Amino acid sequence: MKIRLLFLLAFLFTLQSCDTDDILPALTLTSSSNELSENQGMITITASLNSELDQEIAIPISFSGTATLNEDYLSSGFNSVSGVELIIPSGDSSGSLTISSIQDEDIEDIETIIISVESQDELIVISSSITISLLDDDSDSDGDGINDSDDNCPNEAGLPEYNGCSQPLLIINEVLYDPSNQGLDGDANGDGQYVHDDDEFIEFVNLGGTLDISGYTISDADAIRHTFPAGTIIQSNGVLVLFGGGTPTGDFGGANVQVANGFENRLNLNNSGDVATLHNANGEVVLTFDIEPLSNNPNESYTRYPDLNLDPGADGILFYQHAGIGEALGALFSPGTKIDGTNFN
């Protein structure tokens, strides 16, 4: 009987000690930009948790890279005793600090600032580092007559109308070619019903200067699926979402929202493999998106991770299934917004 009683007590202790309070909060590090101009530039570094804390937490931040703290740039979180810390106040789920550039007259190459969070006993660190390019306003690395600090493509000779790039720096950030057919799980356009062709979408983000895409077209292997009407302007860092059809309902992060107006008034992105091509008004190819490598009928979107990422990294992958990314919290898509549902700007 004594042995049984001890076993029961141990079992009850195990139940009490394995509740959700024991799960460590997860931390994600993000930046308002991946470029910092030497000419009075400033960016914000934000640490976000997936839950609120009941006490203030100070997260040590370390800096590396070719740029030097307190010589090339400053951090608002600097403390002469503890170094640099990012504070998340009690009751909040995020905290931030700013990085500001220091102006000088030296002609310098593009320098890097690597901002890192070390492993924490009380946190699970999901994204632990960010790399920022510090752009000198006294130099022109690519010789195109546009200072690096004003050049969106400082290592590639370009044109002033494209902010120093050789062509408009417009990217496809997210694509939904296979909406879920489980009730309203696939209602990406928010009109209250699931219609496969209507809920497909392509999300464009403009990383360059203000861009007029009037007369541009989106086509697949068979036909032109959409012609962007006159007056279609995407501001710098602006977003445009093109749905296959329906009546898109919602804010969509303040994005410019359009519905396919071409052949059969739908995008018709084939699950078995397709290529979406954006042509400019002169019929020249601006960018393409190849669905073939992603043709696994996922019932969710594919998105760049992190958002706007241009570097596929060592694994060669740019696009990931949306719901499998921690910041998505299980969401199947996020037209017009970042993966976590927040606005791009």
C-alpha atoms as a PDB file:
ATOM      1  CA  MET A   1       0.000   0.000   0.000  1.00  0.00           C
ATOM      2  CA  LYS A   2       2.848   2.394   0.848  1.00  0.00           C
ATOM      3  CA  ILE A   3       4.476   1.818  -2.533  1.00  0.00           C
ATOM      4  CA  ARG A   4       1.196   2.483  -4.308  1.00  0.00           C
ATOM      5  CA  LEU A   5       0.698   5.715  -2.361  1.00  0.00           C
ATOM      6  CA  LEU A   6       4.195   6.954  -3.252  1.00  0.00           C
ATOM      7  CA  PHE A   7       3.572   6.135  -6.904  1.00  0.00           C
ATOM      8  CA  LEU A   8       0.281   8.062  -6.859  1.00  0.00           C
ATOM      9  CA  LEU A   9       1.921  11.099  -5.242  1.00  0.00           C
ATOM     10  CA  ALA A  10       4.723  11.059  -7.833  1.00  0.00           C
ATOM     11  CA  PHE A  11       2.167  10.854 -10.662  1.00  0.00           C
ATOM     12  CA  LEU A  12       0.171  13.797  -9.284  1.00  0.00           C
ATOM     13  CA  PHE A  13       3.401  15.849  -8.921  1.00  0.00           C
ATOM     14  CA  THR A  14       4.229  15.132 -12.569  1.00  0.00           C
ATOM     15  CA  LEU A  15       0.800  16.342 -13.697  1.00  0.00           C
ATOM     16  CA  GLN A  16       1.116  19.531 -11.697  1.00  0.00           C
ATOM     17  CA  SER A  17       4.647  20.312 -12.895  1.00  0.00           C
ATOM     18  CA  CYS A  18       4.006  19.817 -16.629  1.00  0.00           C
ATOM     19  CA  ASP A  19       1.562  22.614 -17.413  1.00  0.00           C
ATOM     20  CA  THR A  20       1.786  25.289 -20.074  1.00  0.00           C
ATOM     21  CA  ASP A  21       3.550  27.668 -17.673  1.00  0.00           C
ATOM     22  CA  ASP A  22       6.657  25.518 -18.109  1.00  0.00           C
ATOM     23  CA  ILE A  23       6.859  26.242 -21.835  1.00  0.00           C
ATOM     24  CA  LEU A  24       9.509  28.886 -22.469  1.00  0.00           C
ATOM     25  CA  PRO A  25       8.451  31.963 -24.465  1.00  0.00           C
ATOM     26  CA  ALA A  26       9.902  32.231 -27.978  1.00  0.00           C
ATOM     27  CA  LEU A  27      11.831  35.323 -29.091  1.00  0.00           C
ATOM     28  CA  THR A  28      12.174  36.659 -32.634  1.00  0.00           C
ATOM     29  CA  LEU A  29      14.562  39.456 -33.648  1.00  0.00           C
ATOM     30  CA  THR A  30      13.550  41.740 -36.540  1.00  0.00           C
ATOM     31  CA  SER A  31      14.749  44.990 -38.118  1.00  0.00           C
ATOM     32  CA  SER A  32      12.846  47.854 -39.743  1.00  0.00           C
ATOM     33  CA  SER A  33      15.374  47.787 -42.606  1.00  0.00           C
ATOM     34  CA  ASN A  34      18.441  45.863 -43.710  1.00  0.00           C
ATOM     35  CA  GLU A  35      20.228  49.032 -44.853  1.00  0.00           C
ATOM     36  CA  LEU A  36      21.457  52.031 -42.849  1.00  0.00           C
ATOM     37  CA  SER A  37      22.552  55.259 -44.509  1.00  0.00           C
ATOM     38  CA  GLU A  38      25.559  57.081 -43.085  1.00  0.00           C
ATOM     39  CA  ASN A  39      23.632  60.333 -43.646  1.00  0.00           C
ATOM     40  CA  GLN A  40      21.511  60.530 -40.474  1.00  0.00           C
ATOM     41  CA  GLY A  41      20.237  57.005 -40.942  1.00  0.00           C
ATOM     42  CA  MET A  42      18.264  55.205 -38.240  1.00  0.00           C
ATOM     43  CA  ILE A  43      16.694  51.753 -37.971  1.00  0.00           C
ATOM     44  CA  THR A  44      14.747  49.987 -35.244  1.00  0.00           C
ATOM     45  CA  ILE A  45      15.627  46.550 -33.881  1.00  0.00           C
ATOM     46  CA  THR A  46      12.692  44.774 -32.261  1.00  0.00           C
ATOM     47  CA  ALA A  47      12.614  41.674 -30.078  1.00  0.00           C
ATOM     48  CA  SER A  48       9.163  40.071 -30.037  1.00  0.00           C
ATOM     49  CA  LEU A  49       7.846  37.317 -27.778  1.00  0.00           C
ATOM     50  CA  ASN A  50       4.896  35.033 -28.431  1.00  0.00           C
ATOM     51  CA  SER A  51       3.532  35.825 -24.953  1.00  0.00           C
ATOM     52  CA  GLU A  52       3.617  38.639 -22.411  1.00  0.00           C
ATOM     53  CA  LEU A  53       5.921  38.491 -19.397  1.00  0.00           C
ATOM     54  CA  ASP A  54       5.004  39.471 -15.850  1.00  0.00           C
ATOM     55  CA  GLN A  55       8.408  41.014 -15.241  1.00  0.00           C
ATOM     56  CA  GLU A  56      10.869  43.192 -17.144  1.00  0.00           C
ATOM     57  CA  ILE A  57      13.525  41.308 -19.075  1.00  0.00           C
ATOM     58  CA  ALA A  58      16.865  42.643 -20.332  1.00  0.00           C
ATOM     59  CA  ILE A  59      18.210  40.834 -23.410  1.00  0.00           C
ATOM     60  CA  PRO A  60      21.971  41.221 -24.008  1.00  0.00           C
ATOM     61  CA  ILE A  61      22.749  42.290 -27.588  1.00  0.00           C
ATOM     62  CA  SER A  62      26.146  41.792 -29.210  1.00  0.00           C
ATOM     63  CA  PHE A  63      27.520  43.550 -32.289  1.00  0.00           C
ATOM     64  CA  SER A  64      30.010  42.334 -34.873  1.00  0.00           C
ATOM     65  CA  GLY A  65      30.717  42.905 -38.559  1.00  0.00           C
ATOM     66  CA  THR A  66      33.070  45.296 -40.324  1.00  0.00           C
ATOM     67  CA  ALA A  67      31.450  48.459 -38.868  1.00  0.00           C
ATOM     68  CA  THR A  68      32.403  49.512 -35.332  1.00  0.00           C
ATOM     69  CA  LEU A  69      29.971  50.422 -32.552  1.00  0.00           C
ATOM     70  CA  ASN A  70      30.451  54.002 -31.274  1.00  0.00           C
ATOM     71  CA  GLU A  71      32.668  54.823 -34.259  1.00  0.00           C
ATOM     72  CA  ASP A  72      30.442  54.078 -37.269  1.00  0.00           C
ATOM     73  CA  TYR A  73      27.097  53.829 -35.472  1.00  0.00           C
ATOM     74  CA  LEU A  74      25.383  54.206 -32.084  1.00  0.00           C
ATOM     75  CA  SER A  75      22.871  52.079 -30.191  1.00  0.00           C
ATOM     76  CA  SER A  76      20.168  53.514 -27.943  1.00  0.00           C
ATOM     77  CA  GLY A  77      20.475  50.453 -25.702  1.00  0.00           C
ATOM     78  CA  PHE A  78      24.119  51.090 -24.810  1.00  0.00           C
ATOM     79  CA  ASN A  79      24.965  51.042 -21.096  1.00  0.00           C
ATOM     80  CA  SER A  80      28.549  51.609 -19.929  1.00  0.00           C
ATOM     81  CA  VAL A  81      28.170  48.869 -17.310  1.00  0.00           C
ATOM     82  CA  SER A  82      26.202  46.152 -19.055  1.00  0.00           C
ATOM     83  CA  GLY A  83      27.043  46.861 -22.715  1.00  0.00           C
ATOM     84  CA  VAL A  84      23.979  46.834 -24.986  1.00  0.00           C
ATOM     85  CA  GLU A  85      20.654  45.519 -23.742  1.00  0.00           C
ATOM     86  CA  LEU A  86      17.216  45.392 -25.317  1.00  0.00           C
ATOM     87  CA  ILE A  87      14.515  45.826 -22.680  1.00  0.00           C
ATOM     88  CA  ILE A  88      11.073  44.186 -22.840  1.00  0.00           C
ATOM     89  CA  PRO A  89       8.960  45.890 -20.161  1.00  0.00           C
ATOM     90  CA  SER A  90       6.748  43.971 -17.763  1.00  0.00           C
ATOM     91  CA  GLY A  91       3.361  43.245 -19.304  1.00  0.00           C
ATOM     92  CA  ASP A  92       4.608  43.729 -22.875  1.00  0.00           C
ATOM     93  CA  SER A  93       5.529  41.184 -25.527  1.00  0.00           C
ATOM     94  CA  SER A  94       8.134  43.277 -27.377  1.00  0.00           C
ATOM     95  CA  GLY A  95      10.852  45.845 -26.922  1.00  0.00           C
ATOM     96  CA  SER A  96      13.096  47.794 -29.261  1.00  0.00           C
ATOM     97  CA  LEU A  97      16.238  49.838 -29.588  1.00  0.00           C
ATOM     98  CA  THR A  98      17.476  52.098 -32.357  1.00  0.00           C
ATOM     99  CA  ILE A  99      20.681  51.996 -34.368  1.00  0.00           C
ATOM    100  CA  SER A 100      21.804  55.366 -35.764  1.00  0.00           C
ATOM    101  CA  SER A 101      24.699  56.114 -38.092  1.00  0.00           C
ATOM    102  CA  ILE A 102      27.631  58.426 -37.387  1.00  0.00           C
ATOM    103  CA  GLN A 103      28.465  60.817 -40.214  1.00  0.00           C
ATOM    104  CA  ASP A 104      32.071  61.230 -41.358  1.00  0.00           C
ATOM    105  CA  GLU A 105      33.906  62.364 -44.486  1.00  0.00           C
ATOM    106  CA  ASP A 106      35.874  59.167 -45.041  1.00  0.00           C
ATOM    107  CA  ILE A 107      35.272  57.285 -48.291  1.00  0.00           C
ATOM    108  CA  GLU A 108      34.473  53.735 -47.209  1.00  0.00           C
ATOM    109  CA  ASP A 109      33.259  50.498 -48.714  1.00  0.00           C
ATOM    110  CA  ILE A 110      29.894  49.130 -47.669  1.00  0.00           C
ATOM    111  CA  GLU A 111      30.243  47.940 -44.059  1.00  0.00           C
ATOM    112  CA  THR A 112      28.168  45.408 -42.150  1.00  0.00           C
ATOM    113  CA  ILE A 113      26.571  45.476 -38.728  1.00  0.00           C
ATOM    114  CA  ILE A 114      25.695  42.045 -37.344  1.00  0.00           C
ATOM    115  CA  ILE A 115      23.287  42.228 -34.411  1.00  0.00           C
ATOM    116  CA  SER A 116      22.968  39.046 -32.362  1.00  0.00           C
ATOM    117  CA  VAL A 117      21.111  37.648 -29.379  1.00  0.00           C
ATOM    118  CA  GLU A 118      22.890  34.957 -27.428  1.00  0.00           C
ATOM    119  CA  SER A 119      21.014  31.868 -26.187  1.00  0.00           C
ATOM    120  CA  GLN A 120      18.916  32.618 -23.119  1.00  0.00           C
ATOM    121  CA  ASP A 121      17.987  30.230 -20.326  1.00  0.00           C
ATOM    122  CA  GLU A 122      14.519  31.760 -19.955  1.00  0.00           C
ATOM    123  CA  LEU A 123      13.764  32.103 -23.694  1.00  0.00           C
ATOM    124  CA  ILE A 124      13.725  30.085 -26.889  1.00  0.00           C
ATOM    125  CA  VAL A 125      15.548  32.227 -29.463  1.00  0.00           C
ATOM    126  CA  ILE A 126      14.065  31.604 -32.941  1.00  0.00           C
ATOM    127  CA  SER A 127      15.916  34.192 -35.061  1.00  0.00           C
ATOM    128  CA  SER A 128      19.164  35.106 -33.337  1.00  0.00           C
ATOM    129  CA  SER A 129      20.915  37.550 -35.690  1.00  0.00           C
ATOM    130  CA  ILE A 130      20.348  40.288 -38.271  1.00  0.00           C
ATOM    131  CA  THR A 131      22.837  41.722 -40.773  1.00  0.00           C
ATOM    132  CA  ILE A 132      22.607  45.412 -41.683  1.00  0.00           C
ATOM    133  CA  SER A 133      24.504  47.112 -44.530  1.00  0.00           C
ATOM    134  CA  LEU A 134      25.964  50.511 -43.564  1.00  0.00           C
ATOM    135  CA  LEU A 135      26.029  52.621 -46.738  1.00  0.00           C
ATOM    136  CA  ASP A 136      28.527  55.449 -47.100  1.00  0.00           C
ATOM    137  CA  ASP A 137      27.149  58.693 -48.557  1.00  0.00           C
ATOM    138  CA  ASP A 138      30.654  59.707 -49.636  1.00  0.00           C
ATOM    139  CA  SER A 139      31.190  56.748 -51.979  1.00  0.00           C
ATOM    140  CA  ASP A 140      29.680  55.216 -55.102  1.00  0.00           C
ATOM    141  CA  SER A 141      30.709  51.551 -55.109  1.00  0.00           C
ATOM    142  CA  ASP A 142      29.193  50.675 -58.487  1.00  0.00           C
ATOM    143  CA  GLY A 143      30.131  53.935 -60.255  1.00  0.00           C
ATOM    144  CA  ASP A 144      26.639  54.750 -61.497  1.00  0.00           C
ATOM    145  CA  GLY A 145      26.646  58.285 -60.105  1.00  0.00           C
ATOM    146  CA  ILE A 146      24.348  57.464 -57.178  1.00  0.00           C
ATOM    147  CA  ASN A 147      25.843  57.489 -53.677  1.00  0.00           C
ATOM    148  CA  ASP A 148      25.650  54.169 -51.860  1.00  0.00           C
ATOM    149  CA  SER A 149      23.361  55.638 -49.186  1.00  0.00           C
ATOM    150  CA  ASP A 150      20.766  56.490 -51.876  1.00  0.00           C
ATOM    151  CA  ASP A 151      21.366  53.413 -54.028  1.00  0.00           C
ATOM    152  CA  ASN A 152      19.012  50.432 -53.621  1.00  0.00           C
ATOM    153  CA  CYS A 153      21.536  48.322 -55.572  1.00  0.00           C
ATOM    154  CA  PRO A 154      24.922  49.716 -54.449  1.00  0.00           C
ATOM    155  CA  ASN A 155      26.916  46.845 -55.975  1.00  0.00           C
ATOM    156  CA  GLU A 156      25.225  46.969 -59.390  1.00  0.00           C
ATOM    157  CA  ALA A 157      25.314  49.926 -61.797  1.00  0.00           C
ATOM    158  CA  GLY A 158      21.783  51.153 -62.391  1.00  0.00           C
ATOM    159  CA  LEU A 159      19.510  54.047 -63.257  1.00  0.00           C
ATOM    160  CA  PRO A 160      18.275  56.987 -61.145  1.00  0.00           C
ATOM    161  CA  GLU A 161      14.629  56.228 -61.962  1.00  0.00           C
ATOM    162  CA  TYR A 162      15.083  52.767 -60.427  1.00  0.00           C
ATOM    163  CA  ASN A 163      16.932  54.114 -57.353  1.00  0.00           C
ATOM    164  CA  GLY A 164      20.257  52.839 -58.648  1.00  0.00           C
ATOM    165  CA  CYS A 165      19.049  49.397 -59.771  1.00  0.00           C
ATOM    166  CA  SER A 166      19.196  48.165 -63.348  1.00  0.00           C
ATOM    167  CA  GLN A 167      15.460  47.464 -63.292  1.00  0.00           C
ATOM    168  CA  PRO A 168      12.535  48.024 -60.923  1.00  0.00           C
ATOM    169  CA  LEU A 169      13.267  46.229 -57.658  1.00  0.00           C
ATOM    170  CA  LEU A 170       9.869  44.559 -57.513  1.00  0.00           C
ATOM    171  CA  ILE A 171       9.640  41.116 -55.930  1.00  0.00           C
ATOM    172  CA  ILE A 172       7.025  38.433 -55.435  1.00  0.00           C
ATOM    173  CA  ASN A 173       6.988  37.848 -51.680  1.00  0.00           C
ATOM    174  CA  GLU A 174       4.116  35.354 -51.318  1.00  0.00           C
ATOM    175  CA  VAL A 175       2.070  33.128 -53.632  1.00  0.00           C
ATOM    176  CA  LEU A 176      -1.046  31.075 -52.957  1.00  0.00           C
ATOM    177  CA  TYR A 177      -1.616  28.708 -55.875  1.00  0.00           C
ATOM    178  CA  ASP A 178      -3.423  25.984 -53.890  1.00  0.00           C
ATOM    179  CA  PRO A 179      -5.947  27.371 -51.364  1.00  0.00           C
ATOM    180  CA  SER A 180      -7.210  24.922 -48.755  1.00  0.00           C
ATOM    181  CA  ASN A 181     -10.512  23.261 -49.634  1.00  0.00           C
ATOM    182  CA  GLN A 182     -11.438  22.752 -45.979  1.00  0.00           C
ATOM    183  CA  GLY A 183     -14.398  25.088 -45.637  1.00  0.00           C
ATOM    184  CA  LEU A 184     -13.390  28.731 -45.218  1.00  0.00           C
ATOM    185  CA  ASP A 185      -9.768  27.831 -44.442  1.00  0.00           C
ATOM    186  CA  GLY A 186      -9.046  28.702 -48.061  1.00  0.00           C
ATOM    187  CA  ASP A 187     -10.940  32.018 -48.120  1.00  0.00           C
ATOM    188  CA  ALA A 188      -7.829  34.120 -48.724  1.00  0.00           C
ATOM    189  CA  ASN A 189      -9.685  37.045 -50.316  1.00  0.00           C
ATOM    190  CA  GLY A 190     -11.972  37.366 -47.283  1.00  0.00           C
ATOM    191  CA  ASP A 191     -15.254  37.474 -49.196  1.00  0.00           C
ATOM    192  CA  GLY A 192     -16.865  34.804 -47.032  1.00  0.00           C
ATOM    193  CA  GLN A 193     -16.638  31.871 -49.410  1.00  0.00           C
ATOM    194  CA  TYR A 194     -14.053  29.428 -50.700  1.00  0.00           C
ATOM    195  CA  VAL A 195     -13.634  29.456 -54.479  1.00  0.00           C
ATOM    196  CA  HIS A 196     -10.328  27.969 -55.573  1.00  0.00           C
ATOM    197  CA  ASP A 197      -9.685  30.252 -58.552  1.00  0.00           C
ATOM    198  CA  ASP A 198     -10.826  33.377 -56.677  1.00  0.00           C
ATOM    199  CA  ASP A 199      -8.684  32.807 -53.584  1.00  0.00           C
ATOM    200  CA  GLU A 200      -5.394  32.328 -55.417  1.00  0.00           C
ATOM    201  CA  PHE A 201      -3.142  35.363 -55.068  1.00  0.00           C
ATOM    202  CA  ILE A 202       0.286  36.851 -55.797  1.00  0.00           C
ATOM    203  CA  GLU A 203       1.776  39.401 -53.374  1.00  0.00           C
ATOM    204  CA  PHE A 204       4.183  41.962 -54.867  1.00  0.00           C
ATOM    205  CA  VAL A 205       6.435  44.235 -52.772  1.00  0.00           C
ATOM    206  CA  ASN A 206       8.354  47.216 -54.179  1.00  0.00           C
ATOM    207  CA  LEU A 207      11.820  47.463 -52.625  1.00  0.00           C
ATOM    208  CA  GLY A 208      12.852  50.350 -54.884  1.00  0.00           C
ATOM    209  CA  GLY A 209      11.521  53.835 -55.515  1.00  0.00           C
ATOM    210  CA  THR A 210       7.949  54.724 -56.493  1.00  0.00           C
ATOM    211  CA  LEU A 211       6.972  52.516 -59.441  1.00  0.00           C
ATOM    212  CA  ASP A 212       4.256  52.936 -62.063  1.00  0.00           C
ATOM    213  CA  ILE A 213       3.252  49.499 -63.370  1.00  0.00           C
ATOM    214  CA  SER A 214       0.354  50.683 -65.532  1.00  0.00           C
ATOM    215  CA  GLY A 215       0.161  48.410 -68.569  1.00  0.00           C
ATOM    216  CA  TYR A 216       2.298  45.666 -67.000  1.00  0.00           C
ATOM    217  CA  THR A 217       0.882  42.162 -67.399  1.00  0.00           C
ATOM    218  CA  ILE A 218       0.886  38.869 -65.525  1.00  0.00           C
ATOM    219  CA  SER A 219       0.747  35.749 -67.671  1.00  0.00           C
ATOM    220  CA  ASP A 220       1.155  32.012 -67.318  1.00  0.00           C
ATOM    221  CA  ALA A 221       2.183  29.512 -69.987  1.00  0.00           C
ATOM    222  CA  ASP A 222      -1.216  29.838 -71.701  1.00  0.00           C
ATOM    223  CA  ALA A 223      -2.410  33.424 -71.595  1.00  0.00           C
ATOM    224  CA  ILE A 224      -2.238  36.918 -70.126  1.00  0.00           C
ATOM    225  CA  ARG A 225      -4.116  36.678 -66.833  1.00  0.00           C
ATOM    226  CA  HIS A 226      -4.060  40.321 -65.765  1.00  0.00           C
ATOM    227  CA  THR A 227      -3.210  43.744 -67.136  1.00  0.00           C
ATOM    228  CA  PHE A 228      -2.514  46.366 -64.470  1.00  0.00           C
ATOM    229  CA  PRO A 229      -4.815  49.309 -65.198  1.00  0.00           C
ATOM    230  CA  ALA A 230      -3.757  52.910 -65.712  1.00  0.00           C
ATOM    231  CA  GLY A 231      -2.748  54.645 -62.512  1.00  0.00           C
ATOM    232  CA  THR A 232      -1.365  51.519 -60.813  1.00  0.00           C
ATOM    233  CA  ILE A 233       1.346  53.019 -58.628  1.00  0.00           C
ATOM    234  CA  ILE A 234       3.299  51.071 -56.010  1.00  0.00           C
ATOM    235  CA  GLN A 235       5.039  53.367 -53.566  1.00  0.00           C
ATOM    236  CA  SER A 236       8.507  52.593 -52.204  1.00  0.00           C
ATOM    237  CA  ASN A 237       8.099  49.669 -49.770  1.00  0.00           C
ATOM    238  CA  GLY A 238       4.516  49.403 -50.975  1.00  0.00           C
ATOM    239  CA  VAL A 239       2.547  46.196 -51.515  1.00  0.00           C
ATOM    240  CA  LEU A 240       0.153  45.048 -54.223  1.00  0.00           C
ATOM    241  CA  VAL A 241      -1.930  41.883 -53.926  1.00  0.00           C
ATOM    242  CA  LEU A 242      -3.448  40.359 -57.056  1.00  0.00           C
ATOM    243  CA  PHE A 243      -6.287  37.903 -56.350  1.00  0.00           C
ATOM    244  CA  GLY A 244      -7.721  35.481 -58.846  1.00  0.00           C
ATOM    245  CA  GLY A 245     -11.259  36.776 -58.402  1.00  0.00           C
ATOM    246  CA  GLY A 246     -14.146  37.308 -56.024  1.00  0.00           C
ATOM    247  CA  THR A 247     -14.697  40.422 -53.948  1.00  0.00           C
ATOM    248  CA  PRO A 248     -11.628  40.889 -51.733  1.00  0.00           C
ATOM    249  CA  THR A 249     -12.832  42.095 -48.348  1.00  0.00           C
ATOM    250  CA  GLY A 250     -10.501  43.366 -45.656  1.00  0.00           C
ATOM    251  CA  ASP A 251      -7.624  45.753 -45.052  1.00  0.00           C
ATOM    252  CA  PHE A 252      -4.824  43.479 -46.343  1.00  0.00           C
ATOM    253  CA  GLY A 253      -2.249  45.601 -44.551  1.00  0.00           C
ATOM    254  CA  GLY A 254      -3.162  48.679 -46.567  1.00  0.00           C
ATOM    255  CA  ALA A 255      -1.997  47.016 -49.791  1.00  0.00           C
ATOM    256  CA  ASN A 256      -3.189  47.954 -53.265  1.00  0.00           C
ATOM    257  CA  VAL A 257      -5.620  45.105 -54.068  1.00  0.00           C
ATOM    258  CA  GLN A 258      -6.646  44.065 -57.583  1.00  0.00           C
ATOM    259  CA  VAL A 259      -8.530  41.156 -59.141  1.00  0.00           C
ATOM    260  CA  ALA A 260      -7.415  39.326 -62.291  1.00  0.00           C
ATOM    261  CA  ASN A 261      -9.008  40.849 -65.403  1.00  0.00           C
ATOM    262  CA  GLY A 262      -7.419  38.806 -68.181  1.00  0.00           C
ATOM    263  CA  PHE A 263      -8.287  35.503 -69.879  1.00  0.00           C
ATOM    264  CA  GLU A 264     -11.163  33.848 -67.981  1.00  0.00           C
ATOM    265  CA  ASN A 265     -10.687  36.502 -65.249  1.00  0.00           C
ATOM    266  CA  ARG A 266      -8.547  34.280 -63.054  1.00  0.00           C
ATOM    267  CA  LEU A 267      -4.903  33.566 -62.308  1.00  0.00           C
ATOM    268  CA  ASN A 268      -5.161  29.826 -63.008  1.00  0.00           C
ATOM    269  CA  LEU A 269      -1.894  28.953 -61.239  1.00  0.00           C
ATOM    270  CA  ASN A 270      -1.616  25.232 -61.944  1.00  0.00           C
ATOM    271  CA  ASN A 271      -0.830  22.991 -58.973  1.00  0.00           C
ATOM    272  CA  SER A 272       1.153  20.625 -61.161  1.00  0.00           C
ATOM    273  CA  GLY A 273       3.594  23.364 -62.148  1.00  0.00           C
ATOM    274  CA  ASP A 274       3.347  26.749 -63.801  1.00  0.00           C
ATOM    275  CA  VAL A 275       5.377  29.900 -64.357  1.00  0.00           C
ATOM    276  CA  ALA A 276       3.908  33.325 -63.605  1.00  0.00           C
ATOM    277  CA  THR A 277       5.652  36.049 -65.607  1.00  0.00           C
ATOM    278  CA  LEU A 278       5.472  39.816 -65.119  1.00  0.00           C
ATOM    279  CA  HIS A 279       6.069  41.832 -68.315  1.00  0.00           C
ATOM    280  CA  ASN A 280       6.407  45.606 -68.443  1.00  0.00           C
ATOM    281  CA  ALA A 281       4.390  47.788 -70.803  1.00  0.00           C
ATOM    282  CA  ASN A 282       7.001  47.161 -73.549  1.00  0.00           C
ATOM    283  CA  GLY A 283       6.595  43.393 -73.251  1.00  0.00           C
ATOM    284  CA  GLU A 284       9.959  42.908 -71.527  1.00  0.00           C
ATOM    285  CA  VAL A 285      10.243  40.328 -68.729  1.00  0.00           C
ATOM    286  CA  VAL A 286      10.548  41.997 -65.324  1.00  0.00           C
ATOM    287  CA  LEU A 287      10.383  38.902 -63.115  1.00  0.00           C
ATOM    288  CA  THR A 288       9.125  35.328 -63.056  1.00  0.00           C
ATOM    289  CA  PHE A 289       7.878  32.910 -60.418  1.00  0.00           C
ATOM    290  CA  ASP A 290       8.313  29.167 -61.068  1.00  0.00           C
ATOM    291  CA  ILE A 291       5.746  27.030 -59.255  1.00  0.00           C
ATOM    292  CA  GLU A 292       7.257  23.746 -60.445  1.00  0.00           C
ATOM    293  CA  PRO A 293       9.690  23.274 -57.491  1.00  0.00           C
ATOM    294  CA  LEU A 294       6.814  24.003 -55.075  1.00  0.00           C
ATOM    295  CA  SER A 295       4.183  21.772 -56.712  1.00  0.00           C
ATOM    296  CA  ASN A 296       3.189  19.697 -53.691  1.00  0.00           C
ATOM    297  CA  ASN A 297      -0.417  20.939 -53.300  1.00  0.00           C
ATOM    298  CA  PRO A 298       0.174  22.292 -49.771  1.00  0.00           C
ATOM    299  CA  ASN A 299      -3.282  23.902 -49.166  1.00  0.00           C
ATOM    300  CA  GLU A 300      -1.434  27.034 -48.017  1.00  0.00           C
ATOM    301  CA  SER A 301       0.763  29.738 -49.486  1.00  0.00           C
ATOM    302  CA  TYR A 302       4.488  29.804 -50.115  1.00  0.00           C
ATOM    303  CA  THR A 303       6.312  32.864 -48.763  1.00  0.00           C
ATOM    304  CA  ARG A 304       9.809  34.260 -48.583  1.00  0.00           C
ATOM    305  CA  TYR A 305      11.289  33.708 -45.140  1.00  0.00           C
ATOM    306  CA  PRO A 306      12.118  36.060 -43.617  1.00  0.00           C
ATOM    307  CA  ASP A 307       9.756  38.390 -45.453  1.00  0.00           C
ATOM    308  CA  LEU A 308      11.467  40.177 -48.394  1.00  0.00           C
ATOM    309  CA  ASN A 309      14.513  37.908 -48.113  1.00  0.00           C
ATOM    310  CA  LEU A 310      16.613  38.022 -51.299  1.00  0.00           C
ATOM    311  CA  ASP A 311      19.302  35.565 -50.199  1.00  0.00           C
ATOM    312  CA  PRO A 312      18.441  31.852 -50.452  1.00  0.00           C
ATOM    313  CA  GLY A 313      21.276  31.032 -48.047  1.00  0.00           C
ATOM    314  CA  ALA A 314      23.221  27.794 -47.846  1.00  0.00           C
ATOM    315  CA  ASP A 315      20.153  25.579 -48.381  1.00  0.00           C
ATOM    316  CA  GLY A 316      19.246  27.419 -51.595  1.00  0.00           C
ATOM    317  CA  ILE A 317      15.646  27.945 -50.443  1.00  0.00           C
ATOM    318  CA  LEU A 318      13.806  31.284 -50.596  1.00  0.00           C
ATOM    319  CA  PHE A 319      10.164  30.202 -50.251  1.00  0.00           C
ATOM    320  CA  TYR A 320       8.683  28.162 -47.409  1.00  0.00           C
ATOM    321  CA  GLN A 321       5.200  26.868 -46.613  1.00  0.00           C
ATOM    322  CA  HIS A 322       3.439  29.550 -44.613  1.00  0.00           C
ATOM    323  CA  ALA A 323       1.894  27.631 -41.711  1.00  0.00           C
ATOM    324  CA  GLY A 324       5.163  25.887 -40.884  1.00  0.00           C
ATOM    325  CA  ILE A 325       6.887  29.172 -39.993  1.00  0.00           C
ATOM    326  CA  GLY A 326       6.769  30.001 -36.287  1.00  0.00           C
ATOM    327  CA  GLU A 327       5.767  33.656 -36.741  1.00  0.00           C
ATOM    328  CA  ALA A 328       2.681  32.565 -38.747  1.00  0.00           C
ATOM    329  CA  LEU A 329       1.121  30.941 -35.657  1.00  0.00           C
ATOM    330  CA  GLY A 330      -0.521  28.381 -37.941  1.00  0.00           C
ATOM    331  CA  ALA A 331      -1.988  30.871 -40.441  1.00  0.00           C
ATOM    332  CA  LEU A 332      -2.193  29.467 -43.979  1.00  0.00           C
ATOM    333  CA  PHE A 333      -1.515  32.792 -45.734  1.00  0.00           C
ATOM    334  CA  SER A 334      -1.034  36.530 -45.128  1.00  0.00           C
ATOM    335  CA  PRO A 335      -1.891  38.543 -48.276  1.00  0.00           C
ATOM    336  CA  GLY A 336      -0.699  42.149 -47.961  1.00  0.00           C
ATOM    337  CA  THR A 337       1.044  41.679 -44.626  1.00  0.00           C
ATOM    338  CA  LYS A 338       4.134  40.075 -43.191  1.00  0.00           C
ATOM    339  CA  ILE A 339       4.091  36.429 -42.120  1.00  0.00           C
ATOM    340  CA  ASP A 340       3.003  37.400 -38.595  1.00  0.00           C
ATOM    341  CA  GLY A 341       0.124  39.541 -39.863  1.00  0.00           C
ATOM    342  CA  THR A 342       1.738  42.926 -39.225  1.00  0.00           C
ATOM    343  CA  ASN A 343       1.997  45.621 -41.901  1.00  0.00           C
ATOM    344  CA  PHE A 344       5.092  46.033 -44.051  1.00  0.00           C
ATOM    345  CA  ASN A 345       5.242  49.760 -43.270  1.00  0.00           C
END
